[in-house]
Amino acid sequence: MLACVEGEEEFVRLLLPLSDPQASDRDGETALMLASFGHPSCVELLLPVSDPHAQDGDGWTALMWAASSGSQTCIDMLLPHTDAGTVFMVPRKALNDRPAPSLD
């Protein structure tokens, strides 16, 4: 998974046949999620063998990771494979994390 975090396409290519692309770390993050944070070449390798609907411990999908990173390329790659509504949850969650205004 470290290769995905660093965007090391060649390492991902070498390790992919030897690993489980559906595996997740202790936070529920998959290789596809980590690659989606701005590493489109790794996303391209992982997308055919990964579940783009998988959610991490916070309920985020790879598309939400891509949206959070601002990587339009990763967003464009993931969007056809996922529920488009999830991308709108990132700003919505950020807004919901703030205290509600008083109605007084």
PDB file of N, CA and C in Angstrom:
ATOM      1  N   MET A   1       0.817  -1.198   0.000  1.00  0.00           N
ATOM      2  CA  MET A   1       0.000   0.000   0.000  1.00  0.00           C
ATOM      3  C   MET A   1       0.856   1.256   0.000  1.00  0.00           C
ATOM      4  N   LEU A   2       2.051   1.149   0.557  1.00  0.00           N
ATOM      5  CA  LEU A   2       2.945   2.306   0.566  1.00  0.00           C
ATOM      6  C   LEU A   2       3.261   2.758  -0.850  1.00  0.00           C
ATOM      7  N   ALA A   3       3.392   1.823  -1.772  1.00  0.00           N
ATOM      8  CA  ALA A   3       3.660   2.177  -3.168  1.00  0.00           C
ATOM      9  C   ALA A   3       2.528   3.039  -3.727  1.00  0.00           C
ATOM     10  N   CYS A   4       1.304   2.794  -3.295  1.00  0.00           N
ATOM     11  CA  CYS A   4       0.156   3.582  -3.753  1.00  0.00           C
ATOM     12  C   CYS A   4       0.164   4.974  -3.146  1.00  0.00           C
ATOM     13  N   VAL A   5       0.537   5.066  -1.881  1.00  0.00           N
ATOM     14  CA  VAL A   5       0.617   6.366  -1.208  1.00  0.00           C
ATOM     15  C   VAL A   5       1.637   7.252  -1.909  1.00  0.00           C
ATOM     16  N   GLU A   6       2.753   6.645  -2.306  1.00  0.00           N
ATOM     17  CA  GLU A   6       3.841   7.393  -2.936  1.00  0.00           C
ATOM     18  C   GLU A   6       3.664   7.546  -4.446  1.00  0.00           C
ATOM     19  N   GLY A   7       2.671   6.868  -5.014  1.00  0.00           N
ATOM     20  CA  GLY A   7       2.455   6.952  -6.456  1.00  0.00           C
ATOM     21  C   GLY A   7       3.505   6.221  -7.267  1.00  0.00           C
ATOM     22  N   GLU A   8       4.066   5.176  -6.694  1.00  0.00           N
ATOM     23  CA  GLU A   8       5.128   4.401  -7.347  1.00  0.00           C
ATOM     24  C   GLU A   8       4.514   3.360  -8.287  1.00  0.00           C
ATOM     25  N   GLU A   9       4.206   3.796  -9.495  1.00  0.00           N
ATOM     26  CA  GLU A   9       3.518   2.949 -10.466  1.00  0.00           C
ATOM     27  C   GLU A   9       4.249   1.639 -10.736  1.00  0.00           C
ATOM     28  N   GLU A  10       5.553   1.683 -10.906  1.00  0.00           N
ATOM     29  CA  GLU A  10       6.298   0.457 -11.219  1.00  0.00           C
ATOM     30  C   GLU A  10       6.234  -0.554 -10.077  1.00  0.00           C
ATOM     31  N   PHE A  11       6.327  -0.071  -8.833  1.00  0.00           N
ATOM     32  CA  PHE A  11       6.215  -0.981  -7.693  1.00  0.00           C
ATOM     33  C   PHE A  11       4.808  -1.576  -7.605  1.00  0.00           C
ATOM     34  N   VAL A  12       3.804  -0.748  -7.862  1.00  0.00           N
ATOM     35  CA  VAL A  12       2.427  -1.250  -7.855  1.00  0.00           C
ATOM     36  C   VAL A  12       2.279  -2.330  -8.924  1.00  0.00           C
ATOM     37  N   ARG A  13       2.822  -2.069 -10.097  1.00  0.00           N
ATOM     38  CA  ARG A  13       2.743  -3.037 -11.195  1.00  0.00           C
ATOM     39  C   ARG A  13       3.413  -4.362 -10.813  1.00  0.00           C
ATOM     40  N   LEU A  14       4.566  -4.283 -10.149  1.00  0.00           N
ATOM     41  CA  LEU A  14       5.296  -5.484  -9.741  1.00  0.00           C
ATOM     42  C   LEU A  14       4.601  -6.241  -8.608  1.00  0.00           C
ATOM     43  N   LEU A  15       4.035  -5.504  -7.663  1.00  0.00           N
ATOM     44  CA  LEU A  15       3.444  -6.128  -6.481  1.00  0.00           C
ATOM     45  C   LEU A  15       2.003  -6.596  -6.676  1.00  0.00           C
ATOM     46  N   LEU A  16       1.318  -6.031  -7.630  1.00  0.00           N
ATOM     47  CA  LEU A  16      -0.101  -6.339  -7.809  1.00  0.00           C
ATOM     48  C   LEU A  16      -0.389  -7.833  -7.988  1.00  0.00           C
ATOM     49  N   PRO A  17       0.377  -8.557  -8.794  1.00  0.00           N
ATOM     50  CA  PRO A  17       0.085  -9.995  -8.929  1.00  0.00           C
ATOM     51  C   PRO A  17       0.356 -10.803  -7.655  1.00  0.00           C
ATOM     52  N   LEU A  18       1.107 -10.227  -6.732  1.00  0.00           N
ATOM     53  CA  LEU A  18       1.485 -10.933  -5.507  1.00  0.00           C
ATOM     54  C   LEU A  18       0.648 -10.525  -4.301  1.00  0.00           C
ATOM     55  N   SER A  19      -0.304  -9.637  -4.503  1.00  0.00           N
ATOM     56  CA  SER A  19      -1.048  -9.109  -3.358  1.00  0.00           C
ATOM     57  C   SER A  19      -2.553  -9.155  -3.612  1.00  0.00           C
ATOM     58  N   ASP A  20      -3.298  -8.868  -2.573  1.00  0.00           N
ATOM     59  CA  ASP A  20      -4.755  -8.802  -2.658  1.00  0.00           C
ATOM     60  C   ASP A  20      -5.161  -7.336  -2.758  1.00  0.00           C
ATOM     61  N   PRO A  21      -5.604  -6.875  -3.922  1.00  0.00           N
ATOM     62  CA  PRO A  21      -5.963  -5.462  -4.066  1.00  0.00           C
ATOM     63  C   PRO A  21      -7.165  -5.052  -3.215  1.00  0.00           C
ATOM     64  N   GLN A  22      -7.917  -6.018  -2.703  1.00  0.00           N
ATOM     65  CA  GLN A  22      -9.069  -5.714  -1.847  1.00  0.00           C
ATOM     66  C   GLN A  22      -8.680  -5.577  -0.375  1.00  0.00           C
ATOM     67  N   ALA A  23      -7.441  -5.906  -0.050  1.00  0.00           N
ATOM     68  CA  ALA A  23      -6.996  -5.819   1.346  1.00  0.00           C
ATOM     69  C   ALA A  23      -7.071  -4.371   1.824  1.00  0.00           C
ATOM     70  N   SER A  24      -7.298  -4.222   3.124  1.00  0.00           N
ATOM     71  CA  SER A  24      -7.351  -2.874   3.698  1.00  0.00           C
ATOM     72  C   SER A  24      -6.445  -2.810   4.922  1.00  0.00           C
ATOM     73  N   ASP A  25      -6.047  -1.590   5.253  1.00  0.00           N
ATOM     74  CA  ASP A  25      -5.216  -1.394   6.437  1.00  0.00           C
ATOM     75  C   ASP A  25      -6.106  -1.270   7.673  1.00  0.00           C
ATOM     76  N   ARG A  26      -5.528  -0.934   8.804  1.00  0.00           N
ATOM     77  CA  ARG A  26      -6.308  -0.896  10.053  1.00  0.00           C
ATOM     78  C   ARG A  26      -7.391   0.189  10.050  1.00  0.00           C
ATOM     79  N   ASP A  27      -7.267   1.159   9.128  1.00  0.00           N
ATOM     80  CA  ASP A  27      -8.278   2.208   9.008  1.00  0.00           C
ATOM     81  C   ASP A  27      -9.310   1.894   7.927  1.00  0.00           C
ATOM     82  N   GLY A  28      -9.202   0.702   7.343  1.00  0.00           N
ATOM     83  CA  GLY A  28     -10.134   0.301   6.305  1.00  0.00           C
ATOM     84  C   GLY A  28      -9.799   0.844   4.929  1.00  0.00           C
ATOM     85  N   GLU A  29      -8.612   1.438   4.787  1.00  0.00           N
ATOM     86  CA  GLU A  29      -8.217   2.039   3.514  1.00  0.00           C
ATOM     87  C   GLU A  29      -7.617   0.985   2.589  1.00  0.00           C
ATOM     88  N   THR A  30      -8.066   0.996   1.339  1.00  0.00           N
ATOM     89  CA  THR A  30      -7.560   0.066   0.339  1.00  0.00           C
ATOM     90  C   THR A  30      -6.492   0.742  -0.515  1.00  0.00           C
ATOM     91  N   ALA A  31      -5.797  -0.062  -1.293  1.00  0.00           N
ATOM     92  CA  ALA A  31      -4.777   0.472  -2.195  1.00  0.00           C
ATOM     93  C   ALA A  31      -5.399   1.464  -3.178  1.00  0.00           C
ATOM     94  N   LEU A  32      -6.601   1.167  -3.671  1.00  0.00           N
ATOM     95  CA  LEU A  32      -7.260   2.074  -4.610  1.00  0.00           C
ATOM     96  C   LEU A  32      -7.554   3.420  -3.961  1.00  0.00           C
ATOM     97  N   MET A  33      -7.998   3.410  -2.726  1.00  0.00           N
ATOM     98  CA  MET A  33      -8.263   4.672  -2.030  1.00  0.00           C
ATOM     99  C   MET A  33      -6.992   5.501  -1.908  1.00  0.00           C
ATOM    100  N   LEU A  34      -5.922   4.860  -1.496  1.00  0.00           N
ATOM    101  CA  LEU A  34      -4.658   5.567  -1.307  1.00  0.00           C
ATOM    102  C   LEU A  34      -4.127   6.100  -2.630  1.00  0.00           C
ATOM    103  N   ALA A  35      -4.255   5.321  -3.684  1.00  0.00           N
ATOM    104  CA  ALA A  35      -3.810   5.762  -5.007  1.00  0.00           C
ATOM    105  C   ALA A  35      -4.677   6.907  -5.521  1.00  0.00           C
ATOM    106  N   SER A  36      -5.946   6.911  -5.133  1.00  0.00           N
ATOM    107  CA  SER A  36      -6.882   7.929  -5.607  1.00  0.00           C
ATOM    108  C   SER A  36      -6.553   9.317  -5.095  1.00  0.00           C
ATOM    109  N   PHE A  37      -5.692   9.391  -4.113  1.00  0.00           N
ATOM    110  CA  PHE A  37      -5.305  10.690  -3.560  1.00  0.00           C
ATOM    111  C   PHE A  37      -4.201  11.310  -4.429  1.00  0.00           C
ATOM    112  N   GLY A  38      -4.456  11.347  -5.747  1.00  0.00           N
ATOM    113  CA  GLY A  38      -3.576  12.071  -6.654  1.00  0.00           C
ATOM    114  C   GLY A  38      -2.589  11.259  -7.468  1.00  0.00           C
ATOM    115  N   HIS A  39      -2.810   9.953  -7.598  1.00  0.00           N
ATOM    116  CA  HIS A  39      -1.873   9.117  -8.360  1.00  0.00           C
ATOM    117  C   HIS A  39      -2.622   8.337  -9.448  1.00  0.00           C
ATOM    118  N   PRO A  40      -2.991   9.017 -10.540  1.00  0.00           N
ATOM    119  CA  PRO A  40      -3.815   8.380 -11.568  1.00  0.00           C
ATOM    120  C   PRO A  40      -3.188   7.157 -12.231  1.00  0.00           C
ATOM    121  N   SER A  41      -1.877   7.119 -12.365  1.00  0.00           N
ATOM    122  CA  SER A  41      -1.259   5.944 -12.995  1.00  0.00           C
ATOM    123  C   SER A  41      -1.467   4.697 -12.135  1.00  0.00           C
ATOM    124  N   CYS A  42      -1.468   4.868 -10.822  1.00  0.00           N
ATOM    125  CA  CYS A  42      -1.727   3.742  -9.921  1.00  0.00           C
ATOM    126  C   CYS A  42      -3.210   3.380  -9.925  1.00  0.00           C
ATOM    127  N   VAL A  43      -4.073   4.382  -9.990  1.00  0.00           N
ATOM    128  CA  VAL A  43      -5.517   4.128 -10.067  1.00  0.00           C
ATOM    129  C   VAL A  43      -5.819   3.299 -11.313  1.00  0.00           C
ATOM    130  N   GLU A  44      -5.179   3.634 -12.417  1.00  0.00           N
ATOM    131  CA  GLU A  44      -5.398   2.902 -13.667  1.00  0.00           C
ATOM    132  C   GLU A  44      -5.063   1.420 -13.516  1.00  0.00           C
ATOM    133  N   LEU A  45      -4.005   1.118 -12.777  1.00  0.00           N
ATOM    134  CA  LEU A  45      -3.614  -0.274 -12.556  1.00  0.00           C
ATOM    135  C   LEU A  45      -4.572  -0.992 -11.608  1.00  0.00           C
ATOM    136  N   LEU A  46      -5.035  -0.294 -10.590  1.00  0.00           N
ATOM    137  CA  LEU A  46      -5.836  -0.915  -9.538  1.00  0.00           C
ATOM    138  C   LEU A  46      -7.328  -1.006  -9.849  1.00  0.00           C
ATOM    139  N   LEU A  47      -7.840  -0.079 -10.599  1.00  0.00           N
ATOM    140  CA  LEU A  47      -9.289  -0.007 -10.824  1.00  0.00           C
ATOM    141  C   LEU A  47      -9.889  -1.294 -11.396  1.00  0.00           C
ATOM    142  N   PRO A  48      -9.248  -1.955 -12.354  1.00  0.00           N
ATOM    143  CA  PRO A  48      -9.856  -3.187 -12.885  1.00  0.00           C
ATOM    144  C   PRO A  48      -9.932  -4.345 -11.883  1.00  0.00           C
ATOM    145  N   VAL A  49      -9.134  -4.296 -10.836  1.00  0.00           N
ATOM    146  CA  VAL A  49      -9.092  -5.418  -9.882  1.00  0.00           C
ATOM    147  C   VAL A  49      -9.532  -5.010  -8.477  1.00  0.00           C
ATOM    148  N   SER A  50     -10.096  -3.825  -8.339  1.00  0.00           N
ATOM    149  CA  SER A  50     -10.493  -3.309  -7.027  1.00  0.00           C
ATOM    150  C   SER A  50     -11.974  -2.962  -7.008  1.00  0.00           C
ATOM    151  N   ASP A  51     -12.512  -2.859  -5.811  1.00  0.00           N
ATOM    152  CA  ASP A  51     -13.909  -2.475  -5.631  1.00  0.00           C
ATOM    153  C   ASP A  51     -13.987  -0.973  -5.380  1.00  0.00           C
ATOM    154  N   PRO A  52     -14.446  -0.183  -6.350  1.00  0.00           N
ATOM    155  CA  PRO A  52     -14.520   1.263  -6.148  1.00  0.00           C
ATOM    156  C   PRO A  52     -15.597   1.676  -5.149  1.00  0.00           C
ATOM    157  N   HIS A  53     -16.466   0.739  -4.768  1.00  0.00           N
ATOM    158  CA  HIS A  53     -17.522   1.040  -3.792  1.00  0.00           C
ATOM    159  C   HIS A  53     -17.090   0.778  -2.352  1.00  0.00           C
ATOM    160  N   ALA A  54     -15.913   0.187  -2.170  1.00  0.00           N
ATOM    161  CA  ALA A  54     -15.429  -0.100  -0.812  1.00  0.00           C
ATOM    162  C   ALA A  54     -15.334   1.200  -0.018  1.00  0.00           C
ATOM    163  N   GLN A  55     -15.608   1.094   1.286  1.00  0.00           N
ATOM    164  CA  GLN A  55     -15.559   2.266   2.162  1.00  0.00           C
ATOM    165  C   GLN A  55     -14.537   2.045   3.260  1.00  0.00           C
ATOM    166  N   ASP A  56     -13.833   3.121   3.601  1.00  0.00           N
ATOM    167  CA  ASP A  56     -12.877   3.042   4.703  1.00  0.00           C
ATOM    168  C   ASP A  56     -13.626   3.182   6.027  1.00  0.00           C
ATOM    169  N   GLY A  57     -12.898   3.285   7.112  1.00  0.00           N
ATOM    170  CA  GLY A  57     -13.501   3.375   8.437  1.00  0.00           C
ATOM    171  C   GLY A  57     -14.380   4.594   8.643  1.00  0.00           C
ATOM    172  N   ASP A  58     -14.191   5.622   7.820  1.00  0.00           N
ATOM    173  CA  ASP A  58     -15.005   6.830   7.908  1.00  0.00           C
ATOM    174  C   ASP A  58     -16.128   6.851   6.877  1.00  0.00           C
ATOM    175  N   GLY A  59     -16.252   5.759   6.118  1.00  0.00           N
ATOM    176  CA  GLY A  59     -17.293   5.687   5.105  1.00  0.00           C
ATOM    177  C   GLY A  59     -16.913   6.303   3.772  1.00  0.00           C
ATOM    178  N   TRP A  60     -15.649   6.652   3.607  1.00  0.00           N
ATOM    179  CA  TRP A  60     -15.193   7.270   2.365  1.00  0.00           C
ATOM    180  C   TRP A  60     -14.860   6.212   1.324  1.00  0.00           C
ATOM    181  N   THR A  61     -15.198   6.498   0.066  1.00  0.00           N
ATOM    182  CA  THR A  61     -14.840   5.650  -1.067  1.00  0.00           C
ATOM    183  C   THR A  61     -13.624   6.246  -1.776  1.00  0.00           C
ATOM    184  N   ALA A  62     -13.103   5.516  -2.754  1.00  0.00           N
ATOM    185  CA  ALA A  62     -11.966   6.018  -3.533  1.00  0.00           C
ATOM    186  C   ALA A  62     -12.321   7.335  -4.221  1.00  0.00           C
ATOM    187  N   LEU A  63     -13.550   7.465  -4.688  1.00  0.00           N
ATOM    188  CA  LEU A  63     -13.972   8.706  -5.333  1.00  0.00           C
ATOM    189  C   LEU A  63     -13.921   9.873  -4.355  1.00  0.00           C
ATOM    190  N   MET A  64     -14.310   9.642  -3.129  1.00  0.00           N
ATOM    191  CA  MET A  64     -14.258  10.702  -2.121  1.00  0.00           C
ATOM    192  C   MET A  64     -12.814  11.082  -1.813  1.00  0.00           C
ATOM    193  N   TRP A  65     -11.920  10.089  -1.799  1.00  0.00           N
ATOM    194  CA  TRP A  65     -10.495  10.378  -1.602  1.00  0.00           C
ATOM    195  C   TRP A  65      -9.983  11.244  -2.756  1.00  0.00           C
ATOM    196  N   ALA A  66     -10.371  10.897  -3.975  1.00  0.00           N
ATOM    197  CA  ALA A  66      -9.932  11.670  -5.142  1.00  0.00           C
ATOM    198  C   ALA A  66     -10.464  13.097  -5.074  1.00  0.00           C
ATOM    199  N   ALA A  67     -11.731  13.247  -4.689  1.00  0.00           N
ATOM    200  CA  ALA A  67     -12.316  14.581  -4.570  1.00  0.00           C
ATOM    201  C   ALA A  67     -11.604  15.388  -3.497  1.00  0.00           C
ATOM    202  N   SER A  68     -11.266  14.747  -2.403  1.00  0.00           N
ATOM    203  CA  SER A  68     -10.564  15.430  -1.321  1.00  0.00           C
ATOM    204  C   SER A  68      -9.175  15.890  -1.749  1.00  0.00           C
ATOM    205  N   SER A  69      -8.532  15.111  -2.610  1.00  0.00           N
ATOM    206  CA  SER A  69      -7.181  15.467  -3.064  1.00  0.00           C
ATOM    207  C   SER A  69      -7.209  16.552  -4.129  1.00  0.00           C
ATOM    208  N   GLY A  70      -8.353  16.721  -4.777  1.00  0.00           N
ATOM    209  CA  GLY A  70      -8.448  17.694  -5.857  1.00  0.00           C
ATOM    210  C   GLY A  70      -7.924  17.169  -7.183  1.00  0.00           C
ATOM    211  N   SER A  71      -7.687  15.872  -7.271  1.00  0.00           N
ATOM    212  CA  SER A  71      -7.162  15.275  -8.501  1.00  0.00           C
ATOM    213  C   SER A  71      -8.292  15.035  -9.495  1.00  0.00           C
ATOM    214  N   GLN A  72      -8.452  15.959 -10.423  1.00  0.00           N
ATOM    215  CA  GLN A  72      -9.513  15.836 -11.419  1.00  0.00           C
ATOM    216  C   GLN A  72      -9.333  14.583 -12.267  1.00  0.00           C
ATOM    217  N   THR A  73      -8.085  14.231 -12.553  1.00  0.00           N
ATOM    218  CA  THR A  73      -7.826  13.030 -13.349  1.00  0.00           C
ATOM    219  C   THR A  73      -8.336  11.788 -12.632  1.00  0.00           C
ATOM    220  N   CYS A  74      -8.036  11.671 -11.344  1.00  0.00           N
ATOM    221  CA  CYS A  74      -8.513  10.519 -10.570  1.00  0.00           C
ATOM    222  C   CYS A  74     -10.035  10.524 -10.470  1.00  0.00           C
ATOM    223  N   ILE A  75     -10.617  11.683 -10.269  1.00  0.00           N
ATOM    224  CA  ILE A  75     -12.080  11.794 -10.212  1.00  0.00           C
ATOM    225  C   ILE A  75     -12.685  11.293 -11.517  1.00  0.00           C
ATOM    226  N   ASP A  76     -12.134  11.763 -12.641  1.00  0.00           N
ATOM    227  CA  ASP A  76     -12.656  11.366 -13.947  1.00  0.00           C
ATOM    228  C   ASP A  76     -12.528   9.865 -14.184  1.00  0.00           C
ATOM    229  N   MET A  77     -11.470   9.259 -13.665  1.00  0.00           N
ATOM    230  CA  MET A  77     -11.273   7.820 -13.827  1.00  0.00           C
ATOM    231  C   MET A  77     -12.269   7.020 -12.992  1.00  0.00           C
ATOM    232  N   LEU A  78     -12.554   7.493 -11.793  1.00  0.00           N
ATOM    233  CA  LEU A  78     -13.407   6.759 -10.857  1.00  0.00           C
ATOM    234  C   LEU A  78     -14.897   6.996 -11.075  1.00  0.00           C
ATOM    235  N   LEU A  79     -15.253   8.160 -11.538  1.00  0.00           N
ATOM    236  CA  LEU A  79     -16.662   8.541 -11.646  1.00  0.00           C
ATOM    237  C   LEU A  79     -17.519   7.542 -12.421  1.00  0.00           C
ATOM    238  N   PRO A  80     -17.064   7.012 -13.561  1.00  0.00           N
ATOM    239  CA  PRO A  80     -17.912   6.046 -14.272  1.00  0.00           C
ATOM    240  C   PRO A  80     -18.125   4.725 -13.521  1.00  0.00           C
ATOM    241  N   HIS A  81     -17.323   4.470 -12.503  1.00  0.00           N
ATOM    242  CA  HIS A  81     -17.387   3.193 -11.782  1.00  0.00           C
ATOM    243  C   HIS A  81     -18.058   3.304 -10.418  1.00  0.00           C
ATOM    244  N   THR A  82     -18.546   4.488 -10.064  1.00  0.00           N
ATOM    245  CA  THR A  82     -19.072   4.688  -8.720  1.00  0.00           C
ATOM    246  C   THR A  82     -20.386   5.453  -8.745  1.00  0.00           C
ATOM    247  N   ASP A  83     -21.006   5.520  -7.591  1.00  0.00           N
ATOM    248  CA  ASP A  83     -22.225   6.296  -7.412  1.00  0.00           C
ATOM    249  C   ASP A  83     -21.831   7.766  -7.362  1.00  0.00           C
ATOM    250  N   ALA A  84     -22.251   8.537  -8.335  1.00  0.00           N
ATOM    251  CA  ALA A  84     -21.855   9.945  -8.427  1.00  0.00           C
ATOM    252  C   ALA A  84     -22.258  10.748  -7.195  1.00  0.00           C
ATOM    253  N   GLY A  85     -23.271  10.313  -6.480  1.00  0.00           N
ATOM    254  CA  GLY A  85     -23.706  11.043  -5.295  1.00  0.00           C
ATOM    255  C   GLY A  85     -22.666  11.081  -4.192  1.00  0.00           C
ATOM    256  N   THR A  86     -21.762  10.103  -4.159  1.00  0.00           N
ATOM    257  CA  THR A  86     -20.794  10.062  -3.071  1.00  0.00           C
ATOM    258  C   THR A  86     -19.815  11.217  -3.115  1.00  0.00           C
ATOM    259  N   VAL A  87     -19.507  11.723  -4.297  1.00  0.00           N
ATOM    260  CA  VAL A  87     -18.540  12.808  -4.388  1.00  0.00           C
ATOM    261  C   VAL A  87     -19.052  14.064  -3.684  1.00  0.00           C
ATOM    262  N   PHE A  88     -20.353  14.215  -3.598  1.00  0.00           N
ATOM    263  CA  PHE A  88     -20.924  15.375  -2.940  1.00  0.00           C
ATOM    264  C   PHE A  88     -20.954  15.237  -1.422  1.00  0.00           C
ATOM    265  N   MET A  89     -20.658  14.064  -0.922  1.00  0.00           N
ATOM    266  CA  MET A  89     -20.651  13.848   0.516  1.00  0.00           C
ATOM    267  C   MET A  89     -19.431  14.475   1.186  1.00  0.00           C
ATOM    268  N   VAL A  90     -18.326  14.678   0.452  1.00  0.00           N
ATOM    269  CA  VAL A  90     -17.119  15.256   1.051  1.00  0.00           C
ATOM    270  C   VAL A  90     -17.397  16.657   1.571  1.00  0.00           C
ATOM    271  N   PRO A  91     -17.885  17.591   0.728  1.00  0.00           N
ATOM    272  CA  PRO A  91     -18.184  18.917   1.279  1.00  0.00           C
ATOM    273  C   PRO A  91     -19.338  18.891   2.271  1.00  0.00           C
ATOM    274  N   ARG A  92     -20.291  18.014   2.056  1.00  0.00           N
ATOM    275  CA  ARG A  92     -21.425  17.925   2.973  1.00  0.00           C
ATOM    276  C   ARG A  92     -20.955  17.492   4.357  1.00  0.00           C
ATOM    277  N   LYS A  93     -20.064  16.493   4.408  1.00  0.00           N
ATOM    278  CA  LYS A  93     -19.538  16.028   5.689  1.00  0.00           C
ATOM    279  C   LYS A  93     -18.774  17.155   6.376  1.00  0.00           C
ATOM    280  N   ALA A  94     -17.987  17.888   5.604  1.00  0.00           N
ATOM    281  CA  ALA A  94     -17.230  19.000   6.181  1.00  0.00           C
ATOM    282  C   ALA A  94     -18.180  20.026   6.801  1.00  0.00           C
ATOM    283  N   LEU A  95     -19.274  20.304   6.129  1.00  0.00           N
ATOM    284  CA  LEU A  95     -20.249  21.254   6.663  1.00  0.00           C
ATOM    285  C   LEU A  95     -20.937  20.700   7.904  1.00  0.00           C
ATOM    286  N   ASN A  96     -21.208  19.401   7.908  1.00  0.00           N
ATOM    287  CA  ASN A  96     -21.907  18.798   9.039  1.00  0.00           C
ATOM    288  C   ASN A  96     -21.022  18.639  10.263  1.00  0.00           C
ATOM    289  N   ASP A  97     -19.716  18.741  10.103  1.00  0.00           N
ATOM    290  CA  ASP A  97     -18.816  18.618  11.243  1.00  0.00           C
ATOM    291  C   ASP A  97     -18.781  19.888  12.093  1.00  0.00           C
ATOM    292  N   ARG A  98     -19.334  20.969  11.556  1.00  0.00           N
ATOM    293  CA  ARG A  98     -19.367  22.219  12.321  1.00  0.00           C
ATOM    294  C   ARG A  98     -20.615  22.258  13.200  1.00  0.00           C
ATOM    295  N   PRO A  99     -20.555  22.998  14.296  1.00  0.00           N
ATOM    296  CA  PRO A  99     -21.747  23.112  15.146  1.00  0.00           C
ATOM    297  C   PRO A  99     -22.903  23.748  14.375  1.00  0.00           C
ATOM    298  N   ALA A 100     -24.086  23.294  14.651  1.00  0.00           N
ATOM    299  CA  ALA A 100     -25.268  23.857  13.996  1.00  0.00           C
ATOM    300  C   ALA A 100     -25.511  25.275  14.509  1.00  0.00           C
ATOM    301  N   PRO A 101     -25.939  26.175  13.622  1.00  0.00           N
ATOM    302  CA  PRO A 101     -26.237  27.539  14.075  1.00  0.00           C
ATOM    303  C   PRO A 101     -27.480  27.552  14.956  1.00  0.00           C
ATOM    304  N   SER A 102     -27.531  28.509  15.815  1.00  0.00           N
ATOM    305  CA  SER A 102     -28.681  28.654  16.699  1.00  0.00           C
ATOM    306  C   SER A 102     -29.884  29.143  15.903  1.00  0.00           C
ATOM    307  N   LEU A 103     -31.046  28.646  16.236  1.00  0.00           N
ATOM    308  CA  LEU A 103     -32.271  29.071  15.562  1.00  0.00           C
ATOM    309  C   LEU A 103     -33.004  30.155  16.347  1.00  0.00           C
ATOM    310  N   ASP A 104     -32.365  30.685  17.377  1.00  0.00           N
ATOM    311  CA  ASP A 104     -32.998  31.735  18.193  1.00  0.00           C
ATOM    312  C   ASP A 104     -33.178  33.014  17.436  1.00  0.00           C
TER     313      ASP A 104
END
